[in-house]
Amino acid sequence: MGKRKKLLSMLMLVMAVSMILAACGSDGAKDSSSKDSNKKEKLIAGTEATFAPFESMDDNGKVVGIDVDVLKAIGEETGKEFEVKNIGWEPVFQQVTNGEIDLGASGITITDERKETYDFTEPYYEATQLIVVKKDSKVKSLQDLKDKKIAVQINTTGHIAAQKLQGKTSPKIKAYENQPLAFQEVINGSVDAAIGDNAVVIEYLKNNPDAKLKTVEDDAFEKEYYGFMVKKGNKEVLDVLNEGLKKMKENGKLAKITSQELK
């Protein structure tokens, strides 16, 4: 009888320990599951908010524009939430690389060179470059800028176009942190022309009617396509963005926001 009681006690102890361990495991799994389910519910996008109409700051210090509206719509289609932070043009690339932000959303042109380091979504906007000069300028083409001073936004496709024309080390190419600064240099007479993205140039001239500037088009500029940029291999975020863009193209939301029919 004593042996049976002892055996029964040992069995009850083992069962009690097993239940405690199971409960702990359950709670741990629950916590892990909860963390996983909440992982990346809010995705952080970096931008350079002097790039109207794609991104700019409103009177309340909030980033607004086409890119913000597209991300909001992607969120509606996918159930994700996006926060857009104004961090500057070059920091966008650095912080995507470092994992400080989830994506870059700053009217970023998809290029082969950038694709070596980053992954891009499907295109959501088609763009091209425009030349900006004073109204009395005699510049009629890109080739006319071969020996002239050109202002550009640093490390943009406008910068690349100027380098292709004059050479990468040309001292006549003046690179600035944003496009409005480049346009201001034309107004000041410090440079002969600026090169910038067409939608941004048009928006700037619309908002600055007294600037006495005009635009020059040239077929030498290739068509460009904007995409949202993520760290190389970040398939999780890339898939969310592409899923949202695909749905928006199909239901017409993207065209409504961008005023473009992009297939």
C-alpha atoms as a PDB file:
ATOM      1  CA  MET A   1       0.000   0.000   0.000  1.00  0.00           C
ATOM      2  CA  GLY A   2       2.855   2.411   0.877  1.00  0.00           C
ATOM      3  CA  LYS A   3       4.561   1.757  -2.445  1.00  0.00           C
ATOM      4  CA  ARG A   4       1.344   2.465  -4.367  1.00  0.00           C
ATOM      5  CA  LYS A   5       0.858   5.765  -2.537  1.00  0.00           C
ATOM      6  CA  LYS A   6       4.453   6.725  -3.249  1.00  0.00           C
ATOM      7  CA  LEU A   7       4.070   5.856  -6.945  1.00  0.00           C
ATOM      8  CA  LEU A   8       0.798   7.772  -7.129  1.00  0.00           C
ATOM      9  CA  SER A   9       2.407  10.815  -5.546  1.00  0.00           C
ATOM     10  CA  MET A  10       5.261  10.710  -8.041  1.00  0.00           C
ATOM     11  CA  LEU A  11       2.823  10.462 -10.952  1.00  0.00           C
ATOM     12  CA  MET A  12       0.833  13.418  -9.645  1.00  0.00           C
ATOM     13  CA  LEU A  13       4.046  15.443  -9.301  1.00  0.00           C
ATOM     14  CA  VAL A  14       5.097  14.630 -12.859  1.00  0.00           C
ATOM     15  CA  MET A  15       1.644  15.604 -14.145  1.00  0.00           C
ATOM     16  CA  ALA A  16       1.739  18.892 -12.216  1.00  0.00           C
ATOM     17  CA  VAL A  17       5.170  19.787 -13.594  1.00  0.00           C
ATOM     18  CA  SER A  18       4.049  18.879 -17.130  1.00  0.00           C
ATOM     19  CA  MET A  19       0.978  21.129 -16.822  1.00  0.00           C
ATOM     20  CA  ILE A  20       3.116  24.032 -15.602  1.00  0.00           C
ATOM     21  CA  LEU A  21       5.573  23.589 -18.454  1.00  0.00           C
ATOM     22  CA  ALA A  22       2.748  23.307 -20.969  1.00  0.00           C
ATOM     23  CA  ALA A  23       1.182  26.484 -19.606  1.00  0.00           C
ATOM     24  CA  CYS A  24       4.492  28.303 -19.841  1.00  0.00           C
ATOM     25  CA  GLY A  25       4.981  27.020 -23.367  1.00  0.00           C
ATOM     26  CA  SER A  26       1.488  28.099 -24.281  1.00  0.00           C
ATOM     27  CA  ASP A  27       2.024  31.575 -22.893  1.00  0.00           C
ATOM     28  CA  GLY A  28       5.372  31.807 -24.642  1.00  0.00           C
ATOM     29  CA  ALA A  29       3.820  30.720 -27.932  1.00  0.00           C
ATOM     30  CA  LYS A  30       0.994  33.152 -27.362  1.00  0.00           C
ATOM     31  CA  ASP A  31       3.432  35.972 -26.692  1.00  0.00           C
ATOM     32  CA  SER A  32       5.506  34.995 -29.723  1.00  0.00           C
ATOM     33  CA  SER A  33       2.402  34.766 -31.877  1.00  0.00           C
ATOM     34  CA  SER A  34       1.210  38.110 -30.584  1.00  0.00           C
ATOM     35  CA  LYS A  35       4.555  39.681 -31.364  1.00  0.00           C
ATOM     36  CA  ASP A  36       4.590  38.149 -34.845  1.00  0.00           C
ATOM     37  CA  SER A  37       1.074  39.341 -35.568  1.00  0.00           C
ATOM     38  CA  ASN A  38       2.016  42.846 -34.524  1.00  0.00           C
ATOM     39  CA  LYS A  39       5.327  42.762 -36.381  1.00  0.00           C
ATOM     40  CA  LYS A  40       5.572  45.515 -38.992  1.00  0.00           C
ATOM     41  CA  GLU A  41       1.907  46.489 -38.631  1.00  0.00           C
ATOM     42  CA  LYS A  42       3.190  50.036 -39.116  1.00  0.00           C
ATOM     43  CA  LEU A  43       5.750  50.482 -41.873  1.00  0.00           C
ATOM     44  CA  ILE A  44       8.023  53.525 -41.744  1.00  0.00           C
ATOM     45  CA  ALA A  45       8.742  55.351 -45.002  1.00  0.00           C
ATOM     46  CA  GLY A  46      11.458  57.956 -45.425  1.00  0.00           C
ATOM     47  CA  THR A  47      11.169  60.904 -47.776  1.00  0.00           C
ATOM     48  CA  GLU A  48      12.611  64.304 -48.723  1.00  0.00           C
ATOM     49  CA  ALA A  49       9.662  66.655 -48.430  1.00  0.00           C
ATOM     50  CA  THR A  50      10.609  69.441 -50.830  1.00  0.00           C
ATOM     51  CA  PHE A  51       9.520  67.420 -53.832  1.00  0.00           C
ATOM     52  CA  ALA A  52       5.981  68.693 -54.432  1.00  0.00           C
ATOM     53  CA  PRO A  53       3.588  67.410 -55.670  1.00  0.00           C
ATOM     54  CA  PHE A  54       4.952  64.055 -54.459  1.00  0.00           C
ATOM     55  CA  GLU A  55       5.927  65.162 -50.972  1.00  0.00           C
ATOM     56  CA  SER A  56       5.957  68.450 -49.125  1.00  0.00           C
ATOM     57  CA  MET A  57       5.193  69.791 -45.659  1.00  0.00           C
ATOM     58  CA  ASP A  58       1.805  71.330 -44.878  1.00  0.00           C
ATOM     59  CA  ASP A  59       1.204  74.169 -42.420  1.00  0.00           C
ATOM     60  CA  ASN A  60       0.944  71.667 -39.568  1.00  0.00           C
ATOM     61  CA  GLY A  61       4.332  70.122 -40.270  1.00  0.00           C
ATOM     62  CA  LYS A  62       2.821  66.988 -41.789  1.00  0.00           C
ATOM     63  CA  VAL A  63       4.167  65.308 -44.923  1.00  0.00           C
ATOM     64  CA  VAL A  64       1.595  65.399 -47.722  1.00  0.00           C
ATOM     65  CA  GLY A  65       1.578  64.628 -51.447  1.00  0.00           C
ATOM     66  CA  ILE A  66       1.108  61.957 -54.080  1.00  0.00           C
ATOM     67  CA  ASP A  67       3.487  59.449 -52.471  1.00  0.00           C
ATOM     68  CA  VAL A  68       1.711  59.808 -49.127  1.00  0.00           C
ATOM     69  CA  ASP A  69      -1.672  59.317 -50.782  1.00  0.00           C
ATOM     70  CA  VAL A  70      -0.461  56.230 -52.651  1.00  0.00           C
ATOM     71  CA  LEU A  71       0.913  54.670 -49.461  1.00  0.00           C
ATOM     72  CA  LYS A  72      -2.319  55.416 -47.620  1.00  0.00           C
ATOM     73  CA  ALA A  73      -4.273  53.706 -50.389  1.00  0.00           C
ATOM     74  CA  ILE A  74      -1.903  50.714 -50.296  1.00  0.00           C
ATOM     75  CA  GLY A  75      -2.646  50.521 -46.582  1.00  0.00           C
ATOM     76  CA  GLU A  76      -6.377  50.467 -47.282  1.00  0.00           C
ATOM     77  CA  GLU A  77      -5.877  47.598 -49.718  1.00  0.00           C
ATOM     78  CA  THR A  78      -3.540  45.539 -47.508  1.00  0.00           C
ATOM     79  CA  GLY A  79      -4.484  46.403 -43.929  1.00  0.00           C
ATOM     80  CA  LYS A  80      -1.067  47.930 -43.223  1.00  0.00           C
ATOM     81  CA  GLU A  81      -0.389  51.338 -41.709  1.00  0.00           C
ATOM     82  CA  PHE A  82       2.290  53.665 -43.081  1.00  0.00           C
ATOM     83  CA  GLU A  83       4.099  56.518 -41.389  1.00  0.00           C
ATOM     84  CA  VAL A  84       6.045  58.933 -43.605  1.00  0.00           C
ATOM     85  CA  LYS A  85       9.021  60.754 -42.086  1.00  0.00           C
ATOM     86  CA  ASN A  86      10.846  63.698 -43.647  1.00  0.00           C
ATOM     87  CA  ILE A  87      14.518  62.759 -43.317  1.00  0.00           C
ATOM     88  CA  GLY A  88      16.226  64.197 -46.418  1.00  0.00           C
ATOM     89  CA  TRP A  89      17.169  62.789 -49.818  1.00  0.00           C
ATOM     90  CA  GLU A  90      20.473  61.026 -49.156  1.00  0.00           C
ATOM     91  CA  PRO A  91      19.452  59.807 -45.653  1.00  0.00           C
ATOM     92  CA  VAL A  92      16.552  57.942 -47.312  1.00  0.00           C
ATOM     93  CA  PHE A  93      19.048  55.650 -49.042  1.00  0.00           C
ATOM     94  CA  GLN A  94      21.289  55.341 -45.986  1.00  0.00           C
ATOM     95  CA  GLN A  95      18.452  54.514 -43.585  1.00  0.00           C
ATOM     96  CA  VAL A  96      16.892  51.941 -45.913  1.00  0.00           C
ATOM     97  CA  THR A  97      20.307  50.276 -46.130  1.00  0.00           C
ATOM     98  CA  ASN A  98      20.742  50.341 -42.342  1.00  0.00           C
ATOM     99  CA  GLY A  99      17.220  49.083 -41.670  1.00  0.00           C
ATOM    100  CA  GLU A 100      16.249  52.253 -39.775  1.00  0.00           C
ATOM    101  CA  ILE A 101      13.232  52.654 -42.057  1.00  0.00           C
ATOM    102  CA  ASP A 102      11.252  50.112 -44.055  1.00  0.00           C
ATOM    103  CA  LEU A 103      11.110  51.888 -47.394  1.00  0.00           C
ATOM    104  CA  GLY A 104      11.977  54.978 -49.377  1.00  0.00           C
ATOM    105  CA  ALA A 105       9.082  56.994 -50.801  1.00  0.00           C
ATOM    106  CA  SER A 106      10.463  60.112 -52.421  1.00  0.00           C
ATOM    107  CA  GLY A 107       9.735  60.049 -56.138  1.00  0.00           C
ATOM    108  CA  ILE A 108      12.644  57.637 -56.552  1.00  0.00           C
ATOM    109  CA  THR A 109      13.397  56.662 -60.133  1.00  0.00           C
ATOM    110  CA  ILE A 110      14.038  52.962 -60.721  1.00  0.00           C
ATOM    111  CA  THR A 111      17.498  52.592 -62.280  1.00  0.00           C
ATOM    112  CA  ASP A 112      19.733  49.604 -62.984  1.00  0.00           C
ATOM    113  CA  GLU A 113      22.427  51.056 -60.749  1.00  0.00           C
ATOM    114  CA  ARG A 114      20.063  51.463 -57.785  1.00  0.00           C
ATOM    115  CA  LYS A 115      18.675  47.963 -58.323  1.00  0.00           C
ATOM    116  CA  GLU A 116      22.126  46.573 -57.550  1.00  0.00           C
ATOM    117  CA  THR A 117      21.697  47.727 -53.943  1.00  0.00           C
ATOM    118  CA  TYR A 118      17.930  47.997 -53.440  1.00  0.00           C
ATOM    119  CA  ASP A 119      14.715  46.298 -54.485  1.00  0.00           C
ATOM    120  CA  PHE A 120      11.929  48.307 -56.081  1.00  0.00           C
ATOM    121  CA  THR A 121       8.206  47.865 -56.412  1.00  0.00           C
ATOM    122  CA  GLU A 122       6.450  47.809 -59.724  1.00  0.00           C
ATOM    123  CA  PRO A 123       6.315  51.369 -61.150  1.00  0.00           C
ATOM    124  CA  TYR A 124       3.578  53.684 -59.956  1.00  0.00           C
ATOM    125  CA  TYR A 125       4.461  56.856 -61.924  1.00  0.00           C
ATOM    126  CA  GLU A 126       6.032  57.766 -65.252  1.00  0.00           C
ATOM    127  CA  ALA A 127       8.269  60.841 -65.387  1.00  0.00           C
ATOM    128  CA  THR A 128      10.915  62.598 -67.443  1.00  0.00           C
ATOM    129  CA  GLN A 129      13.391  65.432 -67.008  1.00  0.00           C
ATOM    130  CA  LEU A 130      12.905  69.079 -67.887  1.00  0.00           C
ATOM    131  CA  ILE A 131      15.404  71.900 -68.275  1.00  0.00           C
ATOM    132  CA  VAL A 132      14.699  75.059 -66.267  1.00  0.00           C
ATOM    133  CA  VAL A 133      16.114  78.379 -67.469  1.00  0.00           C
ATOM    134  CA  LYS A 134      15.366  82.090 -67.201  1.00  0.00           C
ATOM    135  CA  LYS A 135      12.669  83.354 -69.552  1.00  0.00           C
ATOM    136  CA  ASP A 136      15.198  85.274 -71.670  1.00  0.00           C
ATOM    137  CA  SER A 137      17.555  82.294 -72.016  1.00  0.00           C
ATOM    138  CA  LYS A 138      18.495  81.103 -75.499  1.00  0.00           C
ATOM    139  CA  VAL A 139      18.887  77.480 -74.397  1.00  0.00           C
ATOM    140  CA  LYS A 140      16.726  75.245 -76.583  1.00  0.00           C
ATOM    141  CA  SER A 141      18.068  71.764 -75.916  1.00  0.00           C
ATOM    142  CA  LEU A 142      20.145  69.656 -73.565  1.00  0.00           C
ATOM    143  CA  GLN A 143      23.094  69.891 -75.933  1.00  0.00           C
ATOM    144  CA  ASP A 144      23.073  73.689 -75.472  1.00  0.00           C
ATOM    145  CA  LEU A 145      24.146  73.068 -71.853  1.00  0.00           C
ATOM    146  CA  LYS A 146      27.327  71.249 -72.874  1.00  0.00           C
ATOM    147  CA  ASP A 147      29.584  74.068 -71.656  1.00  0.00           C
ATOM    148  CA  LYS A 148      27.224  75.830 -69.245  1.00  0.00           C
ATOM    149  CA  LYS A 149      26.716  75.724 -65.480  1.00  0.00           C
ATOM    150  CA  ILE A 150      23.946  73.331 -64.444  1.00  0.00           C
ATOM    151  CA  ALA A 151      22.243  72.978 -61.054  1.00  0.00           C
ATOM    152  CA  VAL A 152      20.814  69.593 -60.044  1.00  0.00           C
ATOM    153  CA  GLN A 153      19.632  67.683 -57.000  1.00  0.00           C
ATOM    154  CA  ILE A 154      22.487  65.467 -55.843  1.00  0.00           C
ATOM    155  CA  ASN A 155      22.454  61.800 -56.908  1.00  0.00           C
ATOM    156  CA  THR A 156      19.257  62.080 -58.927  1.00  0.00           C
ATOM    157  CA  THR A 157      18.590  61.185 -62.545  1.00  0.00           C
ATOM    158  CA  GLY A 158      18.905  64.894 -63.352  1.00  0.00           C
ATOM    159  CA  HIS A 159      22.399  64.776 -61.873  1.00  0.00           C
ATOM    160  CA  ILE A 160      23.172  61.683 -63.949  1.00  0.00           C
ATOM    161  CA  ALA A 161      21.929  63.392 -67.121  1.00  0.00           C
ATOM    162  CA  ALA A 162      24.198  66.371 -66.476  1.00  0.00           C
ATOM    163  CA  GLN A 163      27.169  64.058 -65.874  1.00  0.00           C
ATOM    164  CA  LYS A 164      26.504  62.162 -69.089  1.00  0.00           C
ATOM    165  CA  LEU A 165      26.556  65.488 -70.911  1.00  0.00           C
ATOM    166  CA  GLN A 166      29.620  67.073 -69.304  1.00  0.00           C
ATOM    167  CA  GLY A 167      31.437  64.219 -67.551  1.00  0.00           C
ATOM    168  CA  LYS A 168      31.226  62.997 -63.962  1.00  0.00           C
ATOM    169  CA  THR A 169      33.922  65.359 -62.672  1.00  0.00           C
ATOM    170  CA  SER A 170      32.729  68.507 -64.432  1.00  0.00           C
ATOM    171  CA  PRO A 171      33.137  71.545 -62.144  1.00  0.00           C
ATOM    172  CA  LYS A 172      30.221  73.209 -63.940  1.00  0.00           C
ATOM    173  CA  ILE A 173      27.721  70.808 -62.401  1.00  0.00           C
ATOM    174  CA  LYS A 174      26.460  72.139 -59.066  1.00  0.00           C
ATOM    175  CA  ALA A 175      24.670  69.538 -56.921  1.00  0.00           C
ATOM    176  CA  TYR A 176      22.258  70.522 -54.139  1.00  0.00           C
ATOM    177  CA  GLU A 177      20.250  68.666 -51.502  1.00  0.00           C
ATOM    178  CA  ASN A 178      16.899  69.365 -53.174  1.00  0.00           C
ATOM    179  CA  GLN A 179      15.411  70.645 -56.410  1.00  0.00           C
ATOM    180  CA  PRO A 180      14.040  73.988 -55.141  1.00  0.00           C
ATOM    181  CA  LEU A 181      17.605  74.973 -54.195  1.00  0.00           C
ATOM    182  CA  ALA A 182      18.730  74.113 -57.726  1.00  0.00           C
ATOM    183  CA  PHE A 183      15.925  76.222 -59.213  1.00  0.00           C
ATOM    184  CA  GLN A 184      16.839  79.107 -56.924  1.00  0.00           C
ATOM    185  CA  GLU A 185      20.371  79.086 -58.317  1.00  0.00           C
ATOM    186  CA  VAL A 186      18.903  79.712 -61.785  1.00  0.00           C
ATOM    187  CA  ILE A 187      16.896  82.635 -60.422  1.00  0.00           C
ATOM    188  CA  ASN A 188      20.025  84.013 -58.720  1.00  0.00           C
ATOM    189  CA  GLY A 189      21.994  83.734 -61.957  1.00  0.00           C
ATOM    190  CA  SER A 190      24.612  81.479 -60.345  1.00  0.00           C
ATOM    191  CA  VAL A 191      23.988  78.824 -63.011  1.00  0.00           C
ATOM    192  CA  ASP A 192      22.632  78.840 -66.549  1.00  0.00           C
ATOM    193  CA  ALA A 193      20.061  76.086 -66.065  1.00  0.00           C
ATOM    194  CA  ALA A 194      18.716  73.390 -63.799  1.00  0.00           C
ATOM    195  CA  ILE A 195      17.563  69.889 -64.638  1.00  0.00           C
ATOM    196  CA  GLY A 196      14.704  68.334 -62.678  1.00  0.00           C
ATOM    197  CA  ASP A 197      11.740  65.941 -62.712  1.00  0.00           C
ATOM    198  CA  ASN A 198       8.918  67.275 -64.877  1.00  0.00           C
ATOM    199  CA  ALA A 199       6.068  67.131 -62.336  1.00  0.00           C
ATOM    200  CA  VAL A 200       8.200  68.823 -59.688  1.00  0.00           C
ATOM    201  CA  VAL A 201       9.362  71.529 -62.100  1.00  0.00           C
ATOM    202  CA  ILE A 202       5.802  72.271 -63.217  1.00  0.00           C
ATOM    203  CA  GLU A 203       4.567  72.404 -59.616  1.00  0.00           C
ATOM    204  CA  TYR A 204       7.404  74.757 -58.657  1.00  0.00           C
ATOM    205  CA  LEU A 205       6.693  77.161 -61.522  1.00  0.00           C
ATOM    206  CA  LYS A 206       2.985  77.105 -60.700  1.00  0.00           C
ATOM    207  CA  ASN A 207       3.725  78.036 -57.092  1.00  0.00           C
ATOM    208  CA  ASN A 208       6.346  80.641 -58.038  1.00  0.00           C
ATOM    209  CA  PRO A 209       4.824  82.646 -60.910  1.00  0.00           C
ATOM    210  CA  ASP A 210       7.170  85.597 -60.310  1.00  0.00           C
ATOM    211  CA  ALA A 211      10.322  83.517 -60.677  1.00  0.00           C
ATOM    212  CA  LYS A 212      10.619  84.431 -64.389  1.00  0.00           C
ATOM    213  CA  LEU A 213      11.566  80.907 -65.355  1.00  0.00           C
ATOM    214  CA  LYS A 214      10.586  78.670 -68.270  1.00  0.00           C
ATOM    215  CA  THR A 215      11.038  75.042 -69.189  1.00  0.00           C
ATOM    216  CA  VAL A 216      12.756  73.384 -72.136  1.00  0.00           C
ATOM    217  CA  GLU A 217      11.798  69.870 -73.230  1.00  0.00           C
ATOM    218  CA  ASP A 218      14.204  67.539 -74.973  1.00  0.00           C
ATOM    219  CA  ASP A 219      13.583  64.040 -76.331  1.00  0.00           C
ATOM    220  CA  ALA A 220      17.138  63.183 -75.318  1.00  0.00           C
ATOM    221  CA  PHE A 221      15.772  62.594 -71.804  1.00  0.00           C
ATOM    222  CA  GLU A 222      14.522  59.048 -71.381  1.00  0.00           C
ATOM    223  CA  LYS A 223      11.241  58.160 -69.722  1.00  0.00           C
ATOM    224  CA  GLU A 224      11.626  57.275 -66.065  1.00  0.00           C
ATOM    225  CA  TYR A 225       9.493  55.299 -63.635  1.00  0.00           C
ATOM    226  CA  TYR A 226       9.119  55.870 -59.913  1.00  0.00           C
ATOM    227  CA  GLY A 227       8.976  52.973 -57.479  1.00  0.00           C
ATOM    228  CA  PHE A 228       9.030  52.506 -53.712  1.00  0.00           C
ATOM    229  CA  MET A 229      12.446  51.318 -52.567  1.00  0.00           C
ATOM    230  CA  VAL A 230      13.282  48.688 -49.937  1.00  0.00           C
ATOM    231  CA  LYS A 231      16.443  47.049 -48.695  1.00  0.00           C
ATOM    232  CA  LYS A 232      17.726  44.301 -50.984  1.00  0.00           C
ATOM    233  CA  GLY A 233      15.975  41.056 -50.069  1.00  0.00           C
ATOM    234  CA  ASN A 234      13.202  42.632 -47.981  1.00  0.00           C
ATOM    235  CA  LYS A 235      10.520  40.521 -49.648  1.00  0.00           C
ATOM    236  CA  GLU A 236       8.030  40.949 -46.799  1.00  0.00           C
ATOM    237  CA  VAL A 237       7.640  44.705 -47.287  1.00  0.00           C
ATOM    238  CA  LEU A 238       8.080  44.518 -51.057  1.00  0.00           C
ATOM    239  CA  ASP A 239       5.215  42.027 -51.365  1.00  0.00           C
ATOM    240  CA  VAL A 240       2.888  44.251 -49.325  1.00  0.00           C
ATOM    241  CA  LEU A 241       3.646  47.258 -51.512  1.00  0.00           C
ATOM    242  CA  ASN A 242       3.286  45.358 -54.787  1.00  0.00           C
ATOM    243  CA  GLU A 243       0.064  43.732 -53.637  1.00  0.00           C
ATOM    244  CA  GLY A 244      -1.423  47.131 -52.872  1.00  0.00           C
ATOM    245  CA  LEU A 245      -0.224  48.691 -56.125  1.00  0.00           C
ATOM    246  CA  LYS A 246      -1.611  45.789 -58.158  1.00  0.00           C
ATOM    247  CA  LYS A 247      -5.042  46.179 -56.586  1.00  0.00           C
ATOM    248  CA  MET A 248      -4.939  49.956 -57.060  1.00  0.00           C
ATOM    249  CA  LYS A 249      -4.092  49.627 -60.740  1.00  0.00           C
ATOM    250  CA  GLU A 250      -6.985  47.211 -61.189  1.00  0.00           C
ATOM    251  CA  ASN A 251      -9.574  49.273 -59.306  1.00  0.00           C
ATOM    252  CA  GLY A 252      -8.473  52.655 -60.666  1.00  0.00           C
ATOM    253  CA  LYS A 253      -7.297  54.174 -57.374  1.00  0.00           C
ATOM    254  CA  LEU A 254      -3.727  54.671 -58.598  1.00  0.00           C
ATOM    255  CA  ALA A 255      -4.831  56.524 -61.721  1.00  0.00           C
ATOM    256  CA  LYS A 256      -7.091  58.722 -59.622  1.00  0.00           C
ATOM    257  CA  ILE A 257      -4.229  59.713 -57.315  1.00  0.00           C
ATOM    258  CA  THR A 258      -1.511  60.181 -59.946  1.00  0.00           C
ATOM    259  CA  SER A 259      -3.667  61.354 -62.879  1.00  0.00           C
ATOM    260  CA  GLN A 260      -1.889  58.734 -65.005  1.00  0.00           C
ATOM    261  CA  GLU A 261      -3.005  55.494 -66.577  1.00  0.00           C
ATOM    262  CA  LEU A 262      -0.025  53.296 -65.831  1.00  0.00           C
ATOM    263  CA  LYS A 263      -0.245  49.614 -66.756  1.00  0.00           C
END
